[in-house]
Amino acid sequence: MNSIRTALQDGAATLGSWYGIRCNLIAERYGAVGFDWVIVDLQHGTASWDGLLSILQSLQLGGTPALVRVGGHDPAEIGRALDIGAVGVIAPMVSTPEQAKVIADAMRYPPHGTRSIGQARNVMGGNPLDHDPFCVVMIETVEGLKNLDAIAATPGVDCVLMGGADLAVSMGLPREQIFSALPSPPIIKAMEQLVAACERHGKIAGNAAVDAADAKELLARGIRFIPIGAATLFLMNAAKAELAACREVVDQFSCGSK
């Protein structure tokens, strides 16, 4: 069974992160941090198809299974990501159950789907036809929110992940609510709808967290698949914090030397 699905059994939660840096050395270090999984982001960031194999290998060498967020709903891209070692795929901007079905089918071999066999790597071990990828679809539009129940009911979909920023844009919310550290009331309501739909259909509800306090709030709301920040954000935040601390030391030294 897929390692992510196994970890989520019996109501458990998992913590992962986003990775969109075009560097397999950092990926290896990031894979050793201890996340339950890492999402390699091909939709945003600088990671690309020509470097994806190395990034997946590096994350796995660090000890972490990797999912890939593809750029759209192309079955060929979905199958290719799985062929070279992803244990699951995240598809953005899913607005209809028809789109969700195309994505779920593209991740599985007949008779359960439409995926073509042709693995480049046998990272799962055993019979490649037993490979059961973790399928995540993202709700990021008003249309997707309206079709949420039907999307969650789609066979083969394992997890429904809310993209709060894009959903806020689709809702026409003001800029300060789109980029707010705290979700606005319409986004909170959408999250509640997502959790309820997932509970009705036996699926996992997902939402990104900024920090531990945010993760605690999401867990209380029923979210179980939680990406925490991103490699670039952690790098920038740590650098800024350490620089600020060193600046303070230098300022104190400069004042003392006068």
Protein backbone atom coordinates (compact mmCIF):
# COMPACT_ATOMS: atom_id res chain seq x y z
CA MET A 1 0.00 0.00 0.00
CA ASN A 2 1.12 3.56 -0.68
CA SER A 3 3.14 4.87 2.28
CA ILE A 4 1.15 8.12 2.51
CA ARG A 5 -2.18 6.32 2.50
CA THR A 6 -0.90 3.94 5.19
CA ALA A 7 0.20 6.86 7.39
CA LEU A 8 -3.25 8.44 7.09
CA GLN A 9 -5.18 5.40 8.24
CA ASP A 10 -7.46 5.51 11.30
CA GLY A 11 -7.83 9.29 11.29
CA ALA A 12 -4.12 10.08 11.60
CA ALA A 13 -2.60 13.22 10.10
CA THR A 14 0.57 13.76 8.08
CA LEU A 15 2.88 16.75 7.66
CA GLY A 16 4.75 17.60 4.49
CA SER A 17 6.10 20.62 2.66
CA TRP A 18 6.45 22.22 -0.76
CA TYR A 19 9.70 22.04 -2.72
CA GLY A 20 10.17 24.13 -5.84
CA ILE A 21 13.91 24.78 -5.95
CA ARG A 22 15.92 23.70 -8.99
CA CYS A 23 18.64 22.01 -6.91
CA ASN A 24 18.94 18.32 -6.05
CA LEU A 25 21.57 18.93 -3.36
CA ILE A 26 19.14 21.02 -1.32
CA ALA A 27 16.47 18.42 -2.10
CA GLU A 28 18.61 15.71 -0.51
CA ARG A 29 19.03 17.81 2.64
CA TYR A 30 15.31 18.64 2.65
CA GLY A 31 14.46 14.98 2.31
CA ALA A 32 16.39 14.29 5.52
CA VAL A 33 14.45 16.85 7.59
CA GLY A 34 11.79 14.32 8.58
CA PHE A 35 8.65 15.33 6.68
CA ASP A 36 6.15 12.55 6.00
CA TRP A 37 6.26 13.56 2.34
CA VAL A 38 7.42 16.46 0.17
CA ILE A 39 5.62 17.95 -2.82
CA VAL A 40 7.84 18.80 -5.78
CA ASP A 41 6.13 21.78 -7.38
CA LEU A 42 6.20 21.91 -11.18
CA GLN A 43 3.34 24.40 -11.35
CA HIS A 44 5.16 27.20 -9.53
CA GLY A 45 8.79 27.72 -8.52
CA THR A 46 11.87 26.83 -10.53
CA ALA A 47 11.75 23.01 -10.45
CA SER A 48 11.26 21.62 -13.96
CA TRP A 49 10.80 18.37 -15.83
CA ASP A 50 14.42 18.14 -16.90
CA GLY A 51 15.56 18.13 -13.28
CA LEU A 52 12.65 16.24 -11.73
CA LEU A 53 14.31 12.82 -11.73
CA SER A 54 17.31 14.11 -9.77
CA ILE A 55 15.08 15.93 -7.27
CA LEU A 56 12.94 12.84 -6.67
CA GLN A 57 16.04 10.67 -6.24
CA SER A 58 17.55 13.19 -3.83
CA LEU A 59 14.43 13.46 -1.67
CA GLN A 60 14.15 9.69 -1.55
CA LEU A 61 17.85 9.39 -0.71
CA GLY A 62 17.14 11.71 2.21
CA GLY A 63 14.41 9.29 3.27
CA THR A 64 11.24 11.09 2.20
CA PRO A 65 8.63 9.98 -0.37
CA ALA A 66 7.75 12.64 -2.91
CA LEU A 67 4.60 13.73 -4.67
CA VAL A 68 4.63 15.94 -7.75
CA ARG A 69 2.29 18.83 -8.40
CA VAL A 70 1.93 18.86 -12.17
CA GLY A 71 1.02 21.96 -14.14
CA GLY A 72 -2.47 20.85 -15.14
CA HIS A 73 -4.57 17.79 -15.93
CA ASP A 74 -2.57 16.22 -18.77
CA PRO A 75 -2.67 12.41 -18.34
CA ALA A 76 0.73 12.12 -20.06
CA GLU A 77 2.35 14.43 -17.48
CA ILE A 78 0.68 12.58 -14.61
CA GLY A 79 1.88 9.20 -15.84
CA ARG A 80 5.37 10.50 -16.52
CA ALA A 81 5.73 11.88 -12.97
CA LEU A 82 4.74 8.49 -11.57
CA ASP A 83 6.99 6.62 -13.99
CA ILE A 84 10.09 8.40 -12.69
CA GLY A 85 9.38 7.90 -9.02
CA ALA A 86 6.60 10.05 -7.56
CA VAL A 87 4.43 8.18 -5.05
CA GLY A 88 1.54 10.47 -5.89
CA VAL A 89 0.42 13.42 -7.97
CA ILE A 90 -1.28 16.68 -7.04
CA ALA A 91 -3.40 18.26 -9.77
CA PRO A 92 -4.24 21.98 -9.49
CA MET A 93 -7.37 23.89 -10.44
CA VAL A 94 -9.83 20.98 -10.39
CA SER A 95 -13.31 22.42 -10.89
CA THR A 96 -15.48 19.52 -12.07
CA PRO A 97 -15.92 15.82 -11.30
CA GLU A 98 -15.11 15.11 -14.95
CA GLN A 99 -11.69 16.69 -14.49
CA ALA A 100 -11.19 14.75 -11.25
CA LYS A 101 -12.01 11.49 -13.03
CA VAL A 102 -9.49 12.16 -15.82
CA ILE A 103 -6.81 12.80 -13.19
CA ALA A 104 -7.64 9.77 -11.05
CA ASP A 105 -7.83 7.49 -14.09
CA ALA A 106 -4.50 8.77 -15.40
CA MET A 107 -2.83 7.58 -12.20
CA ARG A 108 -3.93 3.95 -12.37
CA TYR A 109 -3.52 1.09 -14.81
CA PRO A 110 -6.49 -0.65 -16.47
CA PRO A 111 -9.00 -1.85 -15.47
CA HIS A 112 -8.97 0.84 -12.76
CA GLY A 113 -7.74 3.65 -14.99
CA THR A 114 -6.10 4.65 -18.25
CA ARG A 115 -2.41 4.90 -17.35
CA SER A 116 0.07 3.46 -19.83
CA ILE A 117 2.66 1.07 -18.39
CA GLY A 118 6.24 2.15 -18.95
CA GLN A 119 7.93 2.84 -15.65
CA ALA A 120 11.41 4.27 -15.91
CA ARG A 121 12.15 3.43 -12.27
CA ASN A 122 10.85 0.63 -10.08
CA VAL A 123 10.97 2.66 -6.88
CA MET A 124 7.96 0.92 -5.39
CA GLY A 125 9.47 -2.57 -5.68
CA GLY A 126 7.54 -5.70 -6.64
CA ASN A 127 5.00 -5.77 -9.44
CA PRO A 128 4.65 -2.34 -11.08
CA LEU A 129 0.98 -3.08 -11.73
CA ASP A 130 0.45 -3.08 -7.96
CA HIS A 131 1.59 0.56 -7.77
CA ASP A 132 -1.25 2.51 -6.13
CA PRO A 133 -0.38 6.24 -6.27
CA PHE A 134 -1.85 8.81 -3.90
CA CYS A 135 -4.19 11.06 -5.87
CA VAL A 136 -4.68 14.65 -4.68
CA VAL A 137 -6.92 17.17 -6.43
CA MET A 138 -6.95 20.87 -5.56
CA ILE A 139 -10.06 23.02 -5.11
CA GLU A 140 -9.07 26.54 -6.17
CA THR A 141 -12.10 28.03 -7.94
CA VAL A 142 -15.67 28.97 -7.12
CA GLU A 143 -16.80 26.36 -9.67
CA GLY A 144 -14.73 23.72 -7.88
CA LEU A 145 -16.30 24.70 -4.58
CA LYS A 146 -19.78 24.35 -6.07
CA ASN A 147 -18.86 20.88 -7.37
CA LEU A 148 -16.99 19.90 -4.22
CA ASP A 149 -19.25 17.01 -3.22
CA ALA A 150 -19.13 15.40 -6.66
CA ILE A 151 -15.35 15.87 -6.86
CA ALA A 152 -14.84 14.27 -3.44
CA ALA A 153 -17.09 11.38 -4.51
CA THR A 154 -14.94 10.63 -7.57
CA PRO A 155 -13.49 7.08 -7.40
CA GLY A 156 -9.71 7.11 -7.25
CA VAL A 157 -9.41 10.52 -5.61
CA ASP A 158 -7.67 10.06 -2.25
CA CYS A 159 -7.36 13.63 -0.99
CA VAL A 160 -8.94 17.01 -1.69
CA LEU A 161 -6.53 19.87 -1.01
CA MET A 162 -7.78 23.44 -0.80
CA GLY A 163 -5.77 26.16 -2.51
CA GLY A 164 -6.87 29.06 -0.37
CA ALA A 165 -5.12 31.89 -2.23
CA ASP A 166 -6.43 30.98 -5.68
CA LEU A 167 -9.87 30.29 -4.24
CA ALA A 168 -9.87 33.73 -2.61
CA VAL A 169 -8.97 35.29 -5.98
CA SER A 170 -11.74 33.31 -7.67
CA MET A 171 -14.17 34.56 -5.03
CA GLY A 172 -13.18 38.14 -5.76
CA LEU A 173 -11.99 38.78 -2.21
CA PRO A 174 -9.94 41.93 -1.54
CA ARG A 175 -6.16 41.79 -1.66
CA GLU A 176 -5.73 41.99 2.12
CA GLN A 177 -7.84 38.85 2.54
CA ILE A 178 -6.07 36.97 -0.25
CA PHE A 179 -2.64 37.42 1.35
CA SER A 180 -3.73 37.47 5.00
CA ALA A 181 -1.90 35.16 7.42
CA LEU A 182 -5.31 34.25 8.85
CA PRO A 183 -8.00 32.80 6.57
CA SER A 184 -10.96 35.07 5.90
CA PRO A 185 -14.52 33.96 6.86
CA PRO A 186 -15.40 32.86 3.28
CA ILE A 187 -12.27 30.68 3.15
CA ILE A 188 -13.00 29.19 6.57
CA LYS A 189 -16.53 28.35 5.39
CA ALA A 190 -15.08 26.75 2.24
CA MET A 191 -12.69 24.70 4.39
CA GLU A 192 -15.62 23.47 6.49
CA GLN A 193 -17.43 22.44 3.31
CA LEU A 194 -14.34 20.61 2.10
CA VAL A 195 -13.92 18.68 5.35
CA ALA A 196 -17.61 17.75 5.39
CA ALA A 197 -17.50 16.51 1.77
CA CYS A 198 -14.39 14.45 2.45
CA GLU A 199 -15.97 12.91 5.54
CA ARG A 200 -19.09 11.97 3.56
CA HIS A 201 -17.06 10.19 0.90
CA GLY A 202 -14.21 8.74 2.95
CA LYS A 203 -11.54 11.03 1.53
CA ILE A 204 -8.71 12.99 3.17
CA ALA A 205 -9.07 16.76 3.57
CA GLY A 206 -5.97 18.88 3.00
CA ASN A 207 -4.92 22.47 3.56
CA ALA A 208 -1.58 24.26 3.84
CA ALA A 209 -0.27 25.57 7.17
CA VAL A 210 2.15 28.39 7.90
CA ASP A 211 3.31 27.30 11.36
CA ALA A 212 2.50 25.04 14.35
CA ALA A 213 -0.36 27.24 15.57
CA ASP A 214 -1.90 27.14 12.10
CA ALA A 215 -1.46 23.35 11.90
CA LYS A 216 -3.17 22.95 15.28
CA GLU A 217 -6.14 24.97 14.05
CA LEU A 218 -6.37 22.92 10.85
CA LEU A 219 -6.27 19.63 12.77
CA ALA A 220 -9.14 20.86 14.96
CA ARG A 221 -11.14 21.58 11.80
CA GLY A 222 -10.62 18.06 10.43
CA ILE A 223 -7.71 18.65 8.04
CA ARG A 224 -5.36 15.65 7.88
CA PHE A 225 -3.02 16.30 4.92
CA ILE A 226 -1.00 19.39 5.81
CA PRO A 227 1.84 20.92 3.78
CA ILE A 228 3.87 23.21 6.06
CA GLY A 229 5.48 26.18 4.35
CA ALA A 230 8.00 25.67 1.57
CA ALA A 231 11.74 25.22 1.26
CA THR A 232 12.21 28.74 -0.11
CA LEU A 233 10.20 30.29 2.74
CA PHE A 234 12.11 28.35 5.40
CA LEU A 235 15.39 29.43 3.81
CA MET A 236 14.39 33.10 3.68
CA ASN A 237 12.86 33.15 7.17
CA ALA A 238 15.87 31.49 8.79
CA ALA A 239 18.29 33.78 6.96
CA LYS A 240 16.34 36.90 7.94
CA ALA A 241 16.08 35.83 11.59
CA GLU A 242 19.77 35.02 11.89
CA LEU A 243 20.80 38.21 10.10
CA ALA A 244 18.59 40.29 12.41
CA ALA A 245 20.18 38.64 15.46
CA CYS A 246 23.70 39.27 14.12
CA ARG A 247 22.82 42.87 13.21
CA GLU A 248 21.81 43.44 16.81
CA VAL A 249 25.15 42.07 18.02
CA VAL A 250 27.01 44.32 15.57
CA ASP A 251 24.98 47.37 16.61
CA GLN A 252 25.70 46.70 20.27
CA PHE A 253 29.41 46.30 19.47
CA SER A 254 29.46 49.53 17.45
CA CYS A 255 27.79 51.49 20.26
CA GLY A 256 30.19 50.03 22.82
CA SER A 257 33.25 50.93 20.80
CA LYS A 258 32.41 54.62 20.56
